[in-house]
PDB file of all heavy atoms in Angstrom:
ATOM      1  N   GLY A   1      28.857   0.690  84.630  1.00  0.00           N
ATOM      2  CA  GLY A   1      29.720   1.068  85.737  1.00  0.00           C
ATOM      3  C   GLY A   1      29.328   2.440  86.039  1.00  0.00           C
ATOM      4  O   GLY A   1      28.715   3.303  85.398  1.00  0.00           O
ATOM      5  N   PHE A   2      29.601   2.648  87.464  1.00  0.00           N
ATOM      6  CA  PHE A   2      29.285   4.198  88.081  1.00  0.00           C
ATOM      7  C   PHE A   2      30.604   4.847  88.269  1.00  0.00           C
ATOM      8  O   PHE A   2      31.575   4.392  88.821  1.00  0.00           O
ATOM      9  CB  PHE A   2      28.488   3.989  89.336  1.00  0.00           C
ATOM     10  CG  PHE A   2      27.098   3.463  89.206  1.00  0.00           C
ATOM     11  CD1 PHE A   2      26.758   2.320  89.243  1.00  0.00           C
ATOM     12  CD2 PHE A   2      26.198   4.503  88.889  1.00  0.00           C
ATOM     13  CE1 PHE A   2      25.444   1.896  89.195  1.00  0.00           C
ATOM     14  CE2 PHE A   2      24.788   4.201  88.635  1.00  0.00           C
ATOM     15  CZ  PHE A   2      24.418   2.772  88.796  1.00  0.00           C
ATOM     16  N   LYS A   3      30.574   6.155  88.034  1.00  0.00           N
ATOM     17  CA  LYS A   3      31.761   7.019  88.390  1.00  0.00           C
ATOM     18  C   LYS A   3      31.110   8.303  88.725  1.00  0.00           C
ATOM     19  O   LYS A   3      30.404   8.933  87.775  1.00  0.00           O
ATOM     20  CB  LYS A   3      32.763   7.130  87.157  1.00  0.00           C
ATOM     21  CG  LYS A   3      33.873   7.985  87.597  1.00  0.00           C
ATOM     22  CD  LYS A   3      35.215   7.194  87.589  1.00  0.00           C
ATOM     23  CE  LYS A   3      36.403   8.036  88.056  1.00  0.00           C
ATOM     24  NZ  LYS A   3      37.594   7.303  87.859  1.00  0.00           N
ATOM     25  N   ARG A   4      31.188   8.860  89.911  1.00  0.00           N
ATOM     26  CA  ARG A   4      30.538   9.981  90.349  1.00  0.00           C
ATOM     27  C   ARG A   4      29.060  10.072  90.091  1.00  0.00           C
ATOM     28  O   ARG A   4      28.575  11.113  89.430  1.00  0.00           O
ATOM     29  CB  ARG A   4      31.372  11.120  89.732  1.00  0.00           C
ATOM     30  CG  ARG A   4      32.735  11.352  90.192  1.00  0.00           C
ATOM     31  CD  ARG A   4      33.391  12.667  89.641  1.00  0.00           C
ATOM     32  NE  ARG A   4      34.838  12.537  89.910  1.00  0.00           N
ATOM     33  CZ  ARG A   4      35.727  12.496  89.018  1.00  0.00           C
ATOM     34  NH1 ARG A   4      35.327  12.414  87.700  1.00  0.00           N
ATOM     35  NH2 ARG A   4      37.064  12.395  89.323  1.00  0.00           N
ATOM     36  N   ARG A   5      28.373   9.037  90.456  1.00  0.00           N
ATOM     37  CA  ARG A   5      26.980   8.930  90.175  1.00  0.00           C
ATOM     38  C   ARG A   5      26.521   9.000  88.674  1.00  0.00           C
ATOM     39  O   ARG A   5      25.288   9.007  88.428  1.00  0.00           O
ATOM     40  CB  ARG A   5      26.175  10.015  91.010  1.00  0.00           C
ATOM     41  CG  ARG A   5      26.492   9.825  92.516  1.00  0.00           C
ATOM     42  CD  ARG A   5      25.508  10.896  93.122  1.00  0.00           C
ATOM     43  NE  ARG A   5      25.864  10.768  94.619  1.00  0.00           N
ATOM     44  CZ  ARG A   5      24.922  10.391  95.487  1.00  0.00           C
ATOM     45  NH1 ARG A   5      23.964   9.747  94.978  1.00  0.00           N
ATOM     46  NH2 ARG A   5      25.362  10.245  96.800  1.00  0.00           N
ATOM     47  N   LYS A   6      27.339   8.775  87.926  1.00  0.00           N
ATOM     48  CA  LYS A   6      26.958   8.678  86.446  1.00  0.00           C
ATOM     49  C   LYS A   6      27.042   7.232  86.007  1.00  0.00           C
ATOM     50  O   LYS A   6      27.957   6.521  86.280  1.00  0.00           O
ATOM     51  CB  LYS A   6      27.979   9.456  85.450  1.00  0.00           C
ATOM     52  CG  LYS A   6      27.744  11.021  85.693  1.00  0.00           C
ATOM     53  CD  LYS A   6      28.723  11.667  84.657  1.00  0.00           C
ATOM     54  CE  LYS A   6      28.583  13.164  84.879  1.00  0.00           C
ATOM     55  NZ  LYS A   6      29.457  13.864  83.984  1.00  0.00           N
ATOM     56  N   LEU A   7      25.985   6.788  85.308  1.00  0.00           N
ATOM     57  CA  LEU A   7      25.906   5.444  84.841  1.00  0.00           C
ATOM     58  C   LEU A   7      26.326   5.417  83.437  1.00  0.00           C
ATOM     59  O   LEU A   7      26.031   6.240  82.586  1.00  0.00           O
ATOM     60  CB  LEU A   7      24.580   4.856  84.842  1.00  0.00           C
ATOM     61  CG  LEU A   7      24.241   3.454  84.355  1.00  0.00           C
ATOM     62  CD1 LEU A   7      25.112   2.527  85.215  1.00  0.00           C
ATOM     63  CD2 LEU A   7      22.807   3.236  84.434  1.00  0.00           C
ATOM     64  N   LYS A   8      27.336   4.539  83.029  1.00  0.00           N
ATOM     65  CA  LYS A   8      27.850   4.435  81.728  1.00  0.00           C
ATOM     66  C   LYS A   8      27.716   2.974  81.240  1.00  0.00           C
ATOM     67  O   LYS A   8      28.089   2.043  82.017  1.00  0.00           O
ATOM     68  CB  LYS A   8      29.254   4.988  81.552  1.00  0.00           C
ATOM     69  CG  LYS A   8      29.816   4.895  80.294  1.00  0.00           C
ATOM     70  CD  LYS A   8      30.868   5.970  79.969  1.00  0.00           C
ATOM     71  CE  LYS A   8      31.443   5.720  78.623  1.00  0.00           C
ATOM     72  NZ  LYS A   8      31.390   6.713  77.700  1.00  0.00           N
ATOM     73  N   ILE A   9      27.433   2.600  80.046  1.00  0.00           N
ATOM     74  CA  ILE A   9      27.362   1.409  79.429  1.00  0.00           C
ATOM     75  C   ILE A   9      28.602   1.034  78.553  1.00  0.00           C
ATOM     76  O   ILE A   9      28.960   1.851  77.733  1.00  0.00           O
ATOM     77  CB  ILE A   9      25.986   1.103  78.687  1.00  0.00           C
ATOM     78  CG1 ILE A   9      24.865   1.320  79.561  1.00  0.00           C
ATOM     79  CG2 ILE A   9      25.996  -0.172  77.925  1.00  0.00           C
ATOM     80  CD1 ILE A   9      23.498   1.370  78.710  1.00  0.00           C
ATOM     81  N   TYR A  10      29.214  -0.083  78.683  1.00  0.00           N
ATOM     82  CA  TYR A  10      30.298  -0.420  78.009  1.00  0.00           C
ATOM     83  C   TYR A  10      30.086  -1.765  77.264  1.00  0.00           C
ATOM     84  O   TYR A  10      29.609  -2.642  77.839  1.00  0.00           O
ATOM     85  CB  TYR A  10      31.548  -0.645  78.888  1.00  0.00           C
ATOM     86  CG  TYR A  10      32.129   0.737  79.362  1.00  0.00           C
ATOM     87  CD1 TYR A  10      31.827   1.214  80.631  1.00  0.00           C
ATOM     88  CD2 TYR A  10      33.052   1.455  78.680  1.00  0.00           C
ATOM     89  CE1 TYR A  10      32.224   2.392  81.055  1.00  0.00           C
ATOM     90  CE2 TYR A  10      33.515   2.599  79.022  1.00  0.00           C
ATOM     91  CZ  TYR A  10      33.121   3.120  80.276  1.00  0.00           C
ATOM     92  OH  TYR A  10      33.489   4.333  80.720  1.00  0.00           O
ATOM     93  N   SER A  11      30.586  -1.835  75.994  1.00  0.00           N
ATOM     94  CA  SER A  11      30.592  -3.105  75.332  1.00  0.00           C
ATOM     95  C   SER A  11      31.753  -3.831  75.687  1.00  0.00           C
ATOM     96  O   SER A  11      32.793  -3.321  76.272  1.00  0.00           O
ATOM     97  CB  SER A  11      30.673  -2.813  73.744  1.00  0.00           C
ATOM     98  OG  SER A  11      31.972  -2.317  73.500  1.00  0.00           O
ATOM     99  N   SER A  12      31.737  -5.253  75.533  1.00  0.00           N
ATOM    100  CA  SER A  12      32.810  -6.058  75.957  1.00  0.00           C
ATOM    101  C   SER A  12      34.261  -5.787  75.374  1.00  0.00           C
ATOM    102  O   SER A  12      35.305  -5.915  76.008  1.00  0.00           O
ATOM    103  CB  SER A  12      32.492  -7.609  75.731  1.00  0.00           C
ATOM    104  OG  SER A  12      32.409  -7.731  74.330  1.00  0.00           O
ATOM    105  N   GLU A  13      34.104  -5.127  74.066  1.00  0.00           N
ATOM    106  CA  GLU A  13      35.414  -4.829  73.457  1.00  0.00           C
ATOM    107  C   GLU A  13      36.100  -3.642  74.167  1.00  0.00           C
ATOM    108  O   GLU A  13      37.311  -3.374  73.969  1.00  0.00           O
ATOM    109  CB  GLU A  13      35.155  -4.466  71.900  1.00  0.00           C
ATOM    110  CG  GLU A  13      34.736  -5.626  71.153  1.00  0.00           C
ATOM    111  CD  GLU A  13      33.262  -5.963  71.289  1.00  0.00           C
ATOM    112  OE1 GLU A  13      32.446  -4.968  71.649  1.00  0.00           O
ATOM    113  OE2 GLU A  13      32.949  -7.014  70.902  1.00  0.00           O
ATOM    114  N   GLU A  14      35.419  -2.840  74.905  1.00  0.00           N
ATOM    115  CA  GLU A  14      35.902  -1.713  75.629  1.00  0.00           C
ATOM    116  C   GLU A  14      36.475  -2.064  77.001  1.00  0.00           C
ATOM    117  O   GLU A  14      37.117  -1.185  77.692  1.00  0.00           O
ATOM    118  CB  GLU A  14      34.830  -0.588  75.768  1.00  0.00           C
ATOM    119  CG  GLU A  14      34.268   0.086  74.528  1.00  0.00           C
ATOM    120  CD  GLU A  14      33.234   0.935  74.748  1.00  0.00           C
ATOM    121  OE1 GLU A  14      32.082   0.514  74.887  1.00  0.00           O
ATOM    122  OE2 GLU A  14      33.433   2.139  74.735  1.00  0.00           O
ATOM    123  N   ILE A  15      36.351  -3.280  77.362  1.00  0.00           N
ATOM    124  CA  ILE A  15      36.555  -3.712  78.700  1.00  0.00           C
ATOM    125  C   ILE A  15      38.007  -4.339  78.733  1.00  0.00           C
ATOM    126  O   ILE A  15      38.230  -5.360  78.003  1.00  0.00           O
ATOM    127  CB  ILE A  15      35.578  -4.592  79.444  1.00  0.00           C
ATOM    128  CG1 ILE A  15      34.264  -3.959  79.421  1.00  0.00           C
ATOM    129  CG2 ILE A  15      36.024  -5.177  80.820  1.00  0.00           C
ATOM    130  CD1 ILE A  15      33.103  -4.718  79.957  1.00  0.00           C
ATOM    131  N   VAL A  16      38.995  -3.962  79.505  1.00  0.00           N
ATOM    132  CA  VAL A  16      40.229  -4.596  79.710  1.00  0.00           C
ATOM    133  C   VAL A  16      40.122  -5.783  80.704  1.00  0.00           C
ATOM    134  O   VAL A  16      40.640  -6.797  80.487  1.00  0.00           O
ATOM    135  CB  VAL A  16      41.326  -3.598  80.238  1.00  0.00           C
ATOM    136  CG1 VAL A  16      42.600  -4.295  80.573  1.00  0.00           C
ATOM    137  CG2 VAL A  16      41.674  -2.569  79.082  1.00  0.00           C
ATOM    138  N   CYS A  17      39.557  -5.356  81.828  1.00  0.00           N
ATOM    139  CA  CYS A  17      39.348  -6.501  82.878  1.00  0.00           C
ATOM    140  C   CYS A  17      38.370  -5.919  83.998  1.00  0.00           C
ATOM    141  O   CYS A  17      37.877  -4.879  83.905  1.00  0.00           O
ATOM    142  CB  CYS A  17      40.685  -6.681  83.569  1.00  0.00           C
ATOM    143  SG  CYS A  17      41.470  -5.497  84.513  1.00  0.00           S
ATOM    144  N   PHE A  18      38.041  -6.974  84.795  1.00  0.00           N
ATOM    145  CA  PHE A  18      37.385  -6.757  86.033  1.00  0.00           C
ATOM    146  C   PHE A  18      38.448  -6.990  87.133  1.00  0.00           C
ATOM    147  O   PHE A  18      39.028  -7.979  87.042  1.00  0.00           O
ATOM    148  CB  PHE A  18      36.070  -7.555  86.238  1.00  0.00           C
ATOM    149  CG  PHE A  18      35.093  -7.284  85.227  1.00  0.00           C
ATOM    150  CD1 PHE A  18      35.052  -8.085  84.004  1.00  0.00           C
ATOM    151  CD2 PHE A  18      34.114  -6.330  85.217  1.00  0.00           C
ATOM    152  CE1 PHE A  18      34.071  -7.769  83.071  1.00  0.00           C
ATOM    153  CE2 PHE A  18      33.163  -5.974  84.368  1.00  0.00           C
ATOM    154  CZ  PHE A  18      33.141  -6.890  83.218  1.00  0.00           C
ATOM    155  N   GLU A  19      38.608  -6.112  88.132  1.00  0.00           N
ATOM    156  CA  GLU A  19      39.419  -6.342  89.315  1.00  0.00           C
ATOM    157  C   GLU A  19      38.765  -6.049  90.530  1.00  0.00           C
ATOM    158  O   GLU A  19      38.050  -5.224  90.714  1.00  0.00           O
ATOM    159  CB  GLU A  19      40.751  -5.535  89.102  1.00  0.00           C
ATOM    160  CG  GLU A  19      40.602  -4.064  89.115  1.00  0.00           C
ATOM    161  CD  GLU A  19      41.974  -3.446  88.862  1.00  0.00           C
ATOM    162  OE1 GLU A  19      43.010  -4.135  88.689  1.00  0.00           O
ATOM    163  OE2 GLU A  19      42.024  -2.150  89.070  1.00  0.00           O
ATOM    164  N   SER A  20      39.143  -6.892  91.497  1.00  0.00           N
ATOM    165  CA  SER A  20      38.631  -6.835  92.765  1.00  0.00           C
ATOM    166  C   SER A  20      39.635  -6.402  93.786  1.00  0.00           C
ATOM    167  O   SER A  20      40.661  -7.150  93.814  1.00  0.00           O
ATOM    168  CB  SER A  20      37.877  -8.066  93.172  1.00  0.00           C
ATOM    169  OG  SER A  20      37.251  -7.897  94.411  1.00  0.00           O
ATOM    170  N   SER A  21      39.375  -5.489  94.686  1.00  0.00           N
ATOM    171  CA  SER A  21      40.366  -5.194  95.885  1.00  0.00           C
ATOM    172  C   SER A  21      39.549  -4.412  96.978  1.00  0.00           C
ATOM    173  O   SER A  21      38.616  -3.680  96.601  1.00  0.00           O
ATOM    174  CB  SER A  21      41.526  -4.450  95.327  1.00  0.00           C
ATOM    175  OG  SER A  21      41.166  -3.184  94.879  1.00  0.00           O
ATOM    176  N   ASP A  22      39.902  -4.849  98.096  1.00  0.00           N
ATOM    177  CA  ASP A  22      39.283  -4.061  99.235  1.00  0.00           C
ATOM    178  C   ASP A  22      37.799  -4.138  99.239  1.00  0.00           C
ATOM    179  O   ASP A  22      37.162  -3.235  99.416  1.00  0.00           O
ATOM    180  CB  ASP A  22      39.724  -2.592  99.386  1.00  0.00           C
ATOM    181  CG  ASP A  22      41.143  -2.579  99.612  1.00  0.00           C
ATOM    182  OD1 ASP A  22      41.829  -3.384 100.310  1.00  0.00           O
ATOM    183  OD2 ASP A  22      41.893  -1.598  99.123  1.00  0.00           O
ATOM    184  N   LYS A  23      37.244  -5.285  98.852  1.00  0.00           N
ATOM    185  CA  LYS A  23      35.756  -5.604  98.778  1.00  0.00           C
ATOM    186  C   LYS A  23      35.039  -4.892  97.760  1.00  0.00           C
ATOM    187  O   LYS A  23      33.854  -4.711  97.908  1.00  0.00           O
ATOM    188  CB  LYS A  23      35.174  -5.445 100.054  1.00  0.00           C
ATOM    189  CG  LYS A  23      35.699  -6.463 101.119  1.00  0.00           C
ATOM    190  CD  LYS A  23      34.923  -6.452 102.536  1.00  0.00           C
ATOM    191  CE  LYS A  23      35.518  -7.496 103.446  1.00  0.00           C
ATOM    192  NZ  LYS A  23      34.845  -7.554 104.617  1.00  0.00           N
ATOM    193  N   ALA A  24      35.817  -4.172  96.842  1.00  0.00           N
ATOM    194  CA  ALA A  24      35.121  -3.511  95.736  1.00  0.00           C
ATOM    195  C   ALA A  24      35.494  -4.116  94.414  1.00  0.00           C
ATOM    196  O   ALA A  24      36.672  -4.592  94.262  1.00  0.00           O
ATOM    197  CB  ALA A  24      35.522  -1.974  95.703  1.00  0.00           C
ATOM    198  N   THR A  25      34.710  -4.198  93.513  1.00  0.00           N
ATOM    199  CA  THR A  25      34.900  -4.660  92.139  1.00  0.00           C
ATOM    200  C   THR A  25      34.807  -3.423  91.096  1.00  0.00           C
ATOM    201  O   THR A  25      33.955  -2.747  91.234  1.00  0.00           O
ATOM    202  CB  THR A  25      33.871  -5.876  91.757  1.00  0.00           C
ATOM    203  OG1 THR A  25      33.914  -6.726  92.743  1.00  0.00           O
ATOM    204  CG2 THR A  25      34.192  -6.465  90.342  1.00  0.00           C
ATOM    205  N   CYS A  26      35.801  -3.431  90.272  1.00  0.00           N
ATOM    206  CA  CYS A  26      35.899  -2.363  89.297  1.00  0.00           C
ATOM    207  C   CYS A  26      35.859  -2.889  87.843  1.00  0.00           C
ATOM    208  O   CYS A  26      36.568  -3.981  87.653  1.00  0.00           O
ATOM    209  CB  CYS A  26      37.080  -1.421  89.533  1.00  0.00           C
ATOM    210  SG  CYS A  26      37.015  -0.516  90.982  1.00  0.00           S
TER     211      CYS A  26
END
């Protein structure tokens, strides 16, 4: 995932969900 141009890698255990709104997926 990107936040302020930084790339970070997450394992599935760290992920709560994926959510989509206003044509963006987080």
